[in-house]
Amino acid sequence: MPNLNDIMEMMDALETKAVVSIPTRCVAVRNRHSTCQKCIDACLADAIHIEKNELEIDAGACVACGACIAVCPTSALISVDPMEEELAAAVAATTPAADGATVIACARKAARQVGDPDKYAVVPCLARMDERLIVELAARGVVDIQLVDGVCATCKYRGAVPAIDDTVASARELLGAVGSDTVITRTSEFPEAVRVADLQKAVGAARREFFTSTGHYAKDVAKSAAEKMVNEKLKQLKLQKEEQSLRDKLGVKNGAGKMPTIDAERNMEILDALARIGEPVEEEMFTRIFGDVEVDVEKCSGCGMCVMFCPTDALRKSLDVHPDKARAYMEFSMAECTQCNLCADACLKKCIEVVPVVSLAELFDFEPRLVEISASKSGNKLFNRNK
């Protein structure tokens, strides 16, 4: 058993984190020319810092609102409190009890104990909500989604109000594009079906949550000496990793003509949910989730930097031969474009633009389209590499 000093040392080491980062997914880490600062702009507490290909989150400053998670185009930020699975499980458990409505409340509203804790899910702030969960709920037949918050004007999360509004508007746009009947309501009061009938029940639930959390914390603190030694080894590995070059951290192979890519998981999950809801009822959609690209062929030099740095493989080399030797093709997959804008930021000629208006026919087709570019000039080997 660890002694008191061990426990105190472990308590100091246990830094509570509501959000963890996966730096290799961050476009600002992958390329120093990236202009993406969506997480920084959304952060209320100035807790996120990106500099010299490094992404850092100040856990002490973080207020756990979750706004950064919803806006990150490459899912480089992951929620720990609550985790995605925990929130989904809470929603699944409470929706049937609320007459089929999904009710999600902020922690401040939940603390007032005016709602039945068995009939709604809780998040620290509604800024934690993203389109993926909302669209999935609609795909599963939920037609009434209510987001309940307190008086934001006096809340420490009040700076997140625009982010909440943006998420709700974005989700409505996505659902409207496929003719969904699901209604998303943001309100300051619980619906009648969710209001508590037994105050003691709400108070009891709050107490149970307190003691459960305390018990979990006690387990964390009472780590064994063996675990402590493992932690020391992990620290050593972390230091070794910090000494690696950026190429090593990102897994770039010598001779490769493209950076390692990541899956656009959020995009695919949203698109799958939309497809289960129905066919598109509109020709175009304005969205912050998917993107389209436009290339000024006259300015393009065929350098291939856009393809090389696209993190999700939305842009890739095409084997199709253009009939004009002065021209070439690259492939573009709208479903995999996350609007990270790294292609435009990496472009040497500034000839590519990412636009937020997408064709629904192309989006649901899943097939990449050919985009005309200039043929690579003599001596430029980027598009001529086989890897």
Protein backbone atom coordinates (compact mmCIF):
# COMPACT_ATOMS: atom_id res chain seq x y z
CA MET A 1 0.00 0.00 0.00
CA PRO A 2 1.28 3.48 -0.76
CA ASN A 3 2.05 5.65 2.26
CA LEU A 4 0.68 9.13 2.84
CA ASN A 5 3.57 10.78 1.00
CA ASP A 6 2.97 8.52 -2.00
CA ILE A 7 -0.72 9.40 -2.01
CA MET A 8 0.00 13.13 -1.75
CA GLU A 9 2.53 12.86 -4.56
CA MET A 10 0.02 10.97 -6.67
CA MET A 11 -2.66 13.58 -5.95
CA ASP A 12 -0.32 16.26 -7.24
CA ALA A 13 0.34 14.20 -10.36
CA LEU A 14 -3.34 13.58 -11.04
CA GLU A 15 -4.21 16.61 -13.11
CA THR A 16 -7.91 16.75 -13.90
CA LYS A 17 -8.45 17.11 -17.62
CA ALA A 18 -11.78 17.64 -19.30
CA VAL A 19 -10.20 17.72 -22.76
CA VAL A 20 -7.21 15.83 -24.12
CA SER A 21 -5.47 16.47 -27.41
CA ILE A 22 -4.17 14.28 -30.21
CA PRO A 23 -1.54 16.63 -31.63
CA THR A 24 -0.85 14.54 -34.74
CA ARG A 25 -4.43 15.27 -35.90
CA CYS A 26 -4.07 19.04 -35.46
CA VAL A 27 -3.46 20.83 -38.76
CA ALA A 28 -1.50 23.59 -37.01
CA VAL A 29 0.87 20.93 -35.70
CA ARG A 30 1.12 19.25 -39.09
CA ASN A 31 2.01 22.50 -40.87
CA ARG A 32 3.22 25.75 -39.33
CA HIS A 33 1.56 27.74 -42.12
CA SER A 34 -1.90 26.61 -41.02
CA THR A 35 -4.22 29.49 -40.17
CA CYS A 36 -6.64 27.26 -38.27
CA GLN A 37 -7.33 28.65 -34.80
CA LYS A 38 -10.90 27.47 -34.39
CA CYS A 39 -10.25 25.93 -30.98
CA ILE A 40 -8.41 29.01 -29.76
CA ASP A 41 -11.19 31.29 -30.97
CA ALA A 42 -13.81 29.13 -29.24
CA CYS A 43 -11.94 28.81 -25.93
CA LEU A 44 -13.34 30.98 -23.14
CA ALA A 45 -10.34 30.69 -20.88
CA ASP A 46 -7.35 31.15 -23.16
CA ALA A 47 -6.39 27.59 -22.24
CA ILE A 48 -5.29 26.43 -25.70
CA HIS A 49 -1.95 27.39 -27.17
CA ILE A 50 -0.50 26.49 -30.56
CA GLU A 51 3.04 27.55 -31.37
CA LYS A 52 5.93 26.08 -33.33
CA ASN A 53 4.04 22.92 -34.29
CA GLU A 54 3.01 22.27 -30.69
CA LEU A 55 -0.52 22.05 -29.28
CA GLU A 56 -0.92 22.54 -25.55
CA ILE A 57 -3.95 22.66 -23.28
CA ASP A 58 -3.65 24.33 -19.90
CA ALA A 59 -5.78 21.95 -17.82
CA GLY A 60 -5.74 24.37 -14.90
CA ALA A 61 -7.21 27.18 -16.98
CA CYS A 62 -9.68 24.99 -18.90
CA VAL A 63 -13.28 25.43 -17.70
CA ALA A 64 -14.50 22.21 -19.39
CA CYS A 65 -17.12 23.92 -21.56
CA GLY A 66 -16.29 21.69 -24.56
CA ALA A 67 -16.63 24.45 -27.17
CA CYS A 68 -13.25 23.60 -28.68
CA ILE A 69 -14.27 20.00 -29.32
CA ALA A 70 -17.28 20.93 -31.41
CA VAL A 71 -15.31 23.22 -33.75
CA CYS A 72 -12.11 21.22 -34.30
CA PRO A 73 -12.25 20.08 -37.96
CA THR A 74 -10.00 17.06 -37.49
CA SER A 75 -11.16 15.84 -34.05
CA ALA A 76 -7.78 16.60 -32.52
CA LEU A 77 -9.52 17.42 -29.22
CA ILE A 78 -11.32 14.71 -27.28
CA SER A 79 -13.79 15.15 -24.43
CA VAL A 80 -13.01 13.27 -21.24
CA ASP A 81 -15.74 14.85 -19.12
CA PRO A 82 -18.05 13.51 -20.33
CA MET A 83 -16.62 11.02 -22.80
CA GLU A 84 -18.52 10.51 -26.04
CA GLU A 85 -19.65 7.04 -24.96
CA GLU A 86 -20.80 8.27 -21.55
CA LEU A 87 -22.92 11.02 -23.07
CA ALA A 88 -24.42 8.64 -25.63
CA ALA A 89 -25.24 6.13 -22.89
CA ALA A 90 -26.88 8.82 -20.74
CA VAL A 91 -29.00 9.98 -23.67
CA ALA A 92 -30.02 6.41 -24.50
CA ALA A 93 -31.05 5.77 -20.90
CA THR A 94 -33.02 8.97 -20.36
CA THR A 95 -34.83 9.46 -23.68
CA PRO A 96 -37.44 6.71 -23.17
CA ALA A 97 -38.28 8.12 -19.72
CA ALA A 98 -38.91 11.59 -21.18
CA ASP A 99 -41.74 10.46 -23.45
CA GLY A 100 -39.34 9.92 -26.35
CA ALA A 101 -37.78 13.38 -26.19
CA THR A 102 -34.04 13.77 -25.77
CA VAL A 103 -33.35 16.39 -23.12
CA ILE A 104 -29.80 17.51 -22.43
CA ALA A 105 -29.16 20.11 -19.73
CA CYS A 106 -26.15 22.10 -18.66
CA ALA A 107 -24.71 21.33 -15.23
CA ARG A 108 -25.85 24.67 -13.84
CA LYS A 109 -29.46 23.97 -14.74
CA ALA A 110 -29.20 20.43 -13.39
CA ALA A 111 -27.90 21.78 -10.07
CA ARG A 112 -31.19 23.58 -9.49
CA GLN A 113 -32.85 20.19 -9.07
CA VAL A 114 -36.03 21.09 -10.92
CA GLY A 115 -35.73 18.26 -13.41
CA ASP A 116 -36.05 14.51 -12.91
CA PRO A 117 -32.45 13.20 -13.15
CA ASP A 118 -33.72 9.97 -14.75
CA LYS A 119 -35.15 11.89 -17.69
CA TYR A 120 -32.29 14.03 -18.97
CA ALA A 121 -28.56 13.89 -19.65
CA VAL A 122 -26.08 16.43 -18.27
CA VAL A 123 -23.10 18.18 -19.84
CA PRO A 124 -20.92 20.85 -18.21
CA CYS A 125 -22.08 23.33 -20.84
CA LEU A 126 -24.23 23.02 -23.96
CA ALA A 127 -21.18 24.11 -25.95
CA ARG A 128 -20.09 20.49 -25.53
CA MET A 129 -22.84 19.42 -27.95
CA ASP A 130 -21.85 18.76 -31.55
CA GLU A 131 -23.65 17.91 -34.77
CA ARG A 132 -22.64 14.25 -34.72
CA LEU A 133 -24.76 13.37 -31.66
CA ILE A 134 -27.73 15.50 -32.73
CA VAL A 135 -27.88 14.04 -36.24
CA GLU A 136 -27.46 10.51 -34.93
CA LEU A 137 -30.40 11.02 -32.56
CA ALA A 138 -32.54 12.16 -35.49
CA ALA A 139 -31.44 9.10 -37.48
CA ARG A 140 -32.61 6.91 -34.59
CA GLY A 141 -36.09 8.41 -34.73
CA VAL A 142 -35.92 11.12 -32.06
CA VAL A 143 -38.10 14.00 -33.25
CA ASP A 144 -37.81 16.26 -30.21
CA ILE A 145 -34.37 17.36 -28.99
CA GLN A 146 -34.36 19.95 -26.21
CA LEU A 147 -31.20 21.64 -25.00
CA VAL A 148 -31.80 23.23 -21.60
CA ASP A 149 -29.50 25.80 -20.05
CA GLY A 150 -29.68 28.24 -17.20
CA VAL A 151 -29.26 31.99 -17.21
CA CYS A 152 -26.20 32.28 -19.42
CA ALA A 153 -25.74 35.99 -18.71
CA THR A 154 -24.43 35.22 -15.22
CA CYS A 155 -22.70 31.90 -16.01
CA LYS A 156 -18.95 31.44 -16.24
CA TYR A 157 -19.58 29.76 -19.61
CA ARG A 158 -21.53 32.71 -21.02
CA GLY A 159 -18.85 33.35 -23.63
CA ALA A 160 -19.80 30.03 -25.23
CA VAL A 161 -23.31 31.20 -26.19
CA PRO A 162 -22.34 31.99 -29.82
CA ALA A 163 -20.74 28.55 -30.11
CA ILE A 164 -23.93 26.88 -28.88
CA ASP A 165 -26.01 28.89 -31.33
CA ASP A 166 -23.65 27.94 -34.18
CA THR A 167 -23.92 24.23 -33.37
CA VAL A 168 -27.71 24.33 -33.22
CA ALA A 169 -27.89 26.25 -36.51
CA SER A 170 -25.44 23.84 -38.15
CA ALA A 171 -27.39 20.78 -36.98
CA ARG A 172 -30.64 22.28 -38.23
CA GLU A 173 -29.05 22.93 -41.63
CA LEU A 174 -27.84 19.34 -41.87
CA LEU A 175 -31.21 17.87 -40.89
CA GLY A 176 -33.13 20.25 -43.12
CA ALA A 177 -31.06 19.14 -46.12
CA VAL A 178 -32.55 15.64 -45.88
CA GLY A 179 -36.05 16.70 -44.88
CA SER A 180 -35.85 15.57 -41.25
CA ASP A 181 -38.84 16.33 -39.00
CA THR A 182 -36.66 16.50 -35.90
CA VAL A 183 -37.05 19.74 -33.97
CA ILE A 184 -34.09 21.12 -32.02
CA THR A 185 -35.10 23.53 -29.28
CA ARG A 186 -32.86 25.55 -27.02
CA THR A 187 -34.72 26.57 -23.90
CA SER A 188 -34.15 27.75 -20.35
CA GLU A 189 -36.82 25.50 -18.82
CA PHE A 190 -37.29 21.76 -18.62
CA PRO A 191 -40.29 20.41 -20.54
CA GLU A 192 -43.28 19.39 -18.42
CA ALA A 193 -42.55 15.67 -18.85
CA VAL A 194 -39.08 16.10 -17.34
CA ARG A 195 -39.87 18.35 -14.38
CA VAL A 196 -39.30 16.70 -11.06
CA ALA A 197 -42.30 15.47 -9.10
CA ASP A 198 -40.27 14.35 -6.10
CA LEU A 199 -37.69 16.84 -4.83
CA GLN A 200 -36.11 14.20 -2.60
CA LYS A 201 -35.40 12.10 -5.67
CA ALA A 202 -33.44 14.92 -7.31
CA VAL A 203 -31.52 15.68 -4.11
CA GLY A 204 -30.76 11.99 -3.61
CA ALA A 205 -29.45 11.66 -7.15
CA ALA A 206 -27.16 14.64 -6.64
CA ARG A 207 -25.80 13.12 -3.43
CA ARG A 208 -25.27 9.73 -5.07
CA GLU A 209 -23.32 11.39 -7.86
CA PHE A 210 -21.15 13.21 -5.31
CA PHE A 211 -20.27 10.04 -3.39
CA THR A 212 -19.73 8.06 -6.60
CA SER A 213 -17.34 10.70 -7.88
CA THR A 214 -15.56 10.75 -4.51
CA GLY A 215 -15.22 6.97 -4.58
CA HIS A 216 -13.75 7.04 -8.06
CA TYR A 217 -11.29 9.71 -6.99
CA ALA A 218 -10.24 7.64 -3.98
CA LYS A 219 -9.53 4.70 -6.25
CA ASP A 220 -7.40 6.89 -8.47
CA VAL A 221 -5.39 8.23 -5.57
CA ALA A 222 -4.79 4.79 -4.05
CA LYS A 223 -2.60 3.62 -6.92
CA SER A 224 -0.06 0.92 -6.19
CA ALA A 225 3.71 1.39 -6.15
CA ALA A 226 3.85 -0.69 -9.33
CA GLU A 227 1.54 1.75 -11.09
CA LYS A 228 3.68 4.58 -9.84
CA MET A 229 6.72 2.98 -11.44
CA VAL A 230 4.81 2.57 -14.70
CA ASN A 231 3.96 6.28 -14.58
CA GLU A 232 7.64 7.09 -14.25
CA LYS A 233 8.35 4.98 -17.31
CA LEU A 234 5.62 6.80 -19.19
CA LYS A 235 7.19 10.11 -18.25
CA GLN A 236 10.51 8.91 -19.63
CA LEU A 237 8.86 7.82 -22.87
CA LYS A 238 7.15 11.21 -23.09
CA LEU A 239 10.50 12.97 -22.75
CA GLN A 240 11.97 10.74 -25.43
CA LYS A 241 9.06 11.54 -27.69
CA GLU A 242 9.57 15.26 -27.18
CA GLU A 243 13.11 14.86 -28.46
CA GLN A 244 11.85 13.42 -31.75
CA SER A 245 11.67 15.56 -34.83
CA LEU A 246 8.28 16.66 -36.16
CA ARG A 247 8.68 14.18 -39.02
CA ASP A 248 9.15 11.36 -36.52
CA LYS A 249 6.17 12.43 -34.44
CA LEU A 250 3.89 12.54 -37.48
CA GLY A 251 5.27 9.30 -38.91
CA VAL A 252 6.49 10.83 -42.17
CA LYS A 253 8.39 8.27 -44.25
CA ASN A 254 11.39 9.24 -46.32
CA GLY A 255 10.51 9.53 -50.00
CA ALA A 256 6.77 9.70 -49.37
CA GLY A 257 4.89 12.21 -51.48
CA LYS A 258 2.17 12.73 -48.87
CA MET A 259 1.87 13.24 -45.15
CA PRO A 260 0.26 10.41 -43.15
CA THR A 261 -3.51 10.83 -43.25
CA ILE A 262 -6.28 10.47 -40.69
CA ASP A 263 -9.85 9.28 -41.10
CA ALA A 264 -12.57 11.92 -41.27
CA GLU A 265 -14.60 9.87 -38.79
CA ARG A 266 -16.98 12.61 -37.73
CA ASN A 267 -17.82 13.44 -41.32
CA MET A 268 -18.53 9.84 -42.19
CA GLU A 269 -20.67 9.25 -39.11
CA ILE A 270 -22.73 12.37 -39.84
CA LEU A 271 -23.12 11.44 -43.50
CA ASP A 272 -24.15 7.91 -42.57
CA ALA A 273 -26.77 9.23 -40.16
CA LEU A 274 -28.10 11.68 -42.75
CA ALA A 275 -28.37 8.88 -45.33
CA ARG A 276 -30.45 6.85 -42.85
CA ILE A 277 -32.81 9.78 -42.38
CA GLY A 278 -33.59 10.21 -46.05
CA GLU A 279 -32.64 11.50 -49.47
CA PRO A 280 -31.49 15.09 -50.00
CA VAL A 281 -34.35 17.54 -50.56
CA GLU A 282 -32.12 20.46 -51.53
CA GLU A 283 -29.45 20.97 -54.17
CA GLU A 284 -26.90 22.74 -52.00
CA MET A 285 -26.16 23.15 -48.33
CA PHE A 286 -24.19 25.72 -46.35
CA THR A 287 -22.26 23.82 -43.68
CA ARG A 288 -19.23 23.98 -41.42
CA ILE A 289 -18.79 20.19 -41.49
CA PHE A 290 -18.12 19.43 -45.17
CA GLY A 291 -16.34 21.58 -47.72
CA ASP A 292 -15.72 22.06 -51.41
CA VAL A 293 -12.61 23.30 -53.20
CA GLU A 294 -12.14 25.67 -56.11
CA VAL A 295 -8.83 25.92 -58.00
CA ASP A 296 -7.63 28.79 -60.16
CA VAL A 297 -5.91 26.69 -62.82
CA GLU A 298 -4.16 29.67 -64.35
CA LYS A 299 -2.36 30.44 -61.09
CA CYS A 300 -1.73 26.78 -60.17
CA SER A 301 1.83 25.49 -60.68
CA GLY A 302 1.00 21.84 -60.06
CA CYS A 303 3.29 21.75 -57.03
CA GLY A 304 1.05 19.25 -55.21
CA MET A 305 1.41 20.84 -51.79
CA CYS A 306 -2.36 20.76 -51.31
CA VAL A 307 -2.41 17.00 -51.85
CA MET A 308 0.65 16.43 -49.70
CA PHE A 309 -0.74 18.19 -46.65
CA CYS A 310 -4.45 17.32 -46.84
CA PRO A 311 -4.90 15.51 -43.50
CA THR A 312 -7.94 13.42 -44.41
CA ASP A 313 -7.02 12.38 -47.96
CA ALA A 314 -9.87 14.47 -49.35
CA LEU A 315 -7.35 15.61 -51.97
CA ARG A 316 -5.21 12.97 -53.61
CA LYS A 317 -3.19 12.23 -56.68
CA SER A 318 -5.16 11.09 -59.71
CA LEU A 319 -4.01 8.48 -62.21
CA ASP A 320 -6.31 9.91 -64.87
CA VAL A 321 -4.43 11.56 -67.73
CA HIS A 322 -5.60 14.98 -68.87
CA PRO A 323 -5.92 15.33 -72.67
CA ASP A 324 -4.04 18.65 -72.44
CA LYS A 325 -0.40 18.05 -71.49
CA ALA A 326 -0.33 21.42 -69.75
CA ARG A 327 -3.07 20.25 -67.42
CA ALA A 328 -3.48 17.43 -64.91
CA TYR A 329 -6.06 16.11 -62.47
CA MET A 330 -6.28 15.53 -58.75
CA GLU A 331 -9.15 13.77 -56.99
CA PHE A 332 -11.35 15.47 -54.44
CA SER A 333 -13.68 13.72 -51.99
CA MET A 334 -16.24 16.16 -50.61
CA ALA A 335 -17.33 13.71 -47.91
CA GLU A 336 -13.82 13.70 -46.44
CA CYS A 337 -13.21 17.46 -46.57
CA THR A 338 -13.46 18.92 -43.05
CA GLN A 339 -12.85 22.58 -43.92
CA CYS A 340 -9.53 22.58 -42.10
CA ASN A 341 -8.25 24.89 -44.90
CA LEU A 342 -4.77 23.38 -44.80
CA CYS A 343 -4.73 22.88 -48.58
CA ALA A 344 -5.23 26.62 -49.08
CA ASP A 345 -2.71 27.51 -46.37
CA ALA A 346 -0.06 25.20 -47.85
CA CYS A 347 -0.62 26.34 -51.44
CA LEU A 348 2.44 28.17 -52.74
CA LYS A 349 0.47 30.09 -55.36
CA LYS A 350 -2.62 30.73 -53.24
CA CYS A 351 -4.78 29.36 -56.02
CA ILE A 352 -7.05 27.01 -54.04
CA GLU A 353 -10.04 28.04 -51.94
CA VAL A 354 -12.17 26.02 -49.53
CA VAL A 355 -15.86 26.94 -49.65
CA PRO A 356 -18.62 26.03 -47.16
CA VAL A 357 -21.35 25.46 -49.76
CA VAL A 358 -21.55 21.85 -50.96
CA SER A 359 -23.54 20.01 -53.59
CA LEU A 360 -25.72 17.41 -51.86
CA ALA A 361 -25.75 15.19 -54.95
CA GLU A 362 -21.95 15.05 -54.91
CA LEU A 363 -21.77 14.72 -51.14
CA PHE A 364 -24.05 11.67 -51.08
CA ASP A 365 -22.41 10.15 -54.16
CA PHE A 366 -19.27 9.34 -52.13
CA GLU A 367 -17.27 9.16 -55.36
CA PRO A 368 -14.35 11.59 -55.73
CA ARG A 369 -14.49 14.08 -58.56
CA LEU A 370 -11.64 15.09 -60.82
CA VAL A 371 -10.34 18.61 -60.24
CA GLU A 372 -8.35 20.23 -63.00
CA ILE A 373 -4.95 21.64 -62.07
CA SER A 374 -1.80 22.63 -63.92
CA ALA A 375 0.60 19.86 -64.81
CA SER A 376 3.64 19.78 -62.53
CA LYS A 377 6.58 21.65 -63.97
CA SER A 378 9.86 20.03 -64.91
CA GLY A 379 11.89 19.18 -61.85
CA ASN A 380 8.88 19.04 -59.53
CA LYS A 381 8.79 15.45 -58.35
CA LEU A 382 6.00 15.64 -55.80
CA PHE A 383 3.27 14.33 -58.06
CA ASN A 384 5.67 11.90 -59.70
CA ARG A 385 6.41 9.90 -56.55
CA ASN A 386 4.91 6.45 -56.28
CA LYS A 387 4.47 6.41 -52.51
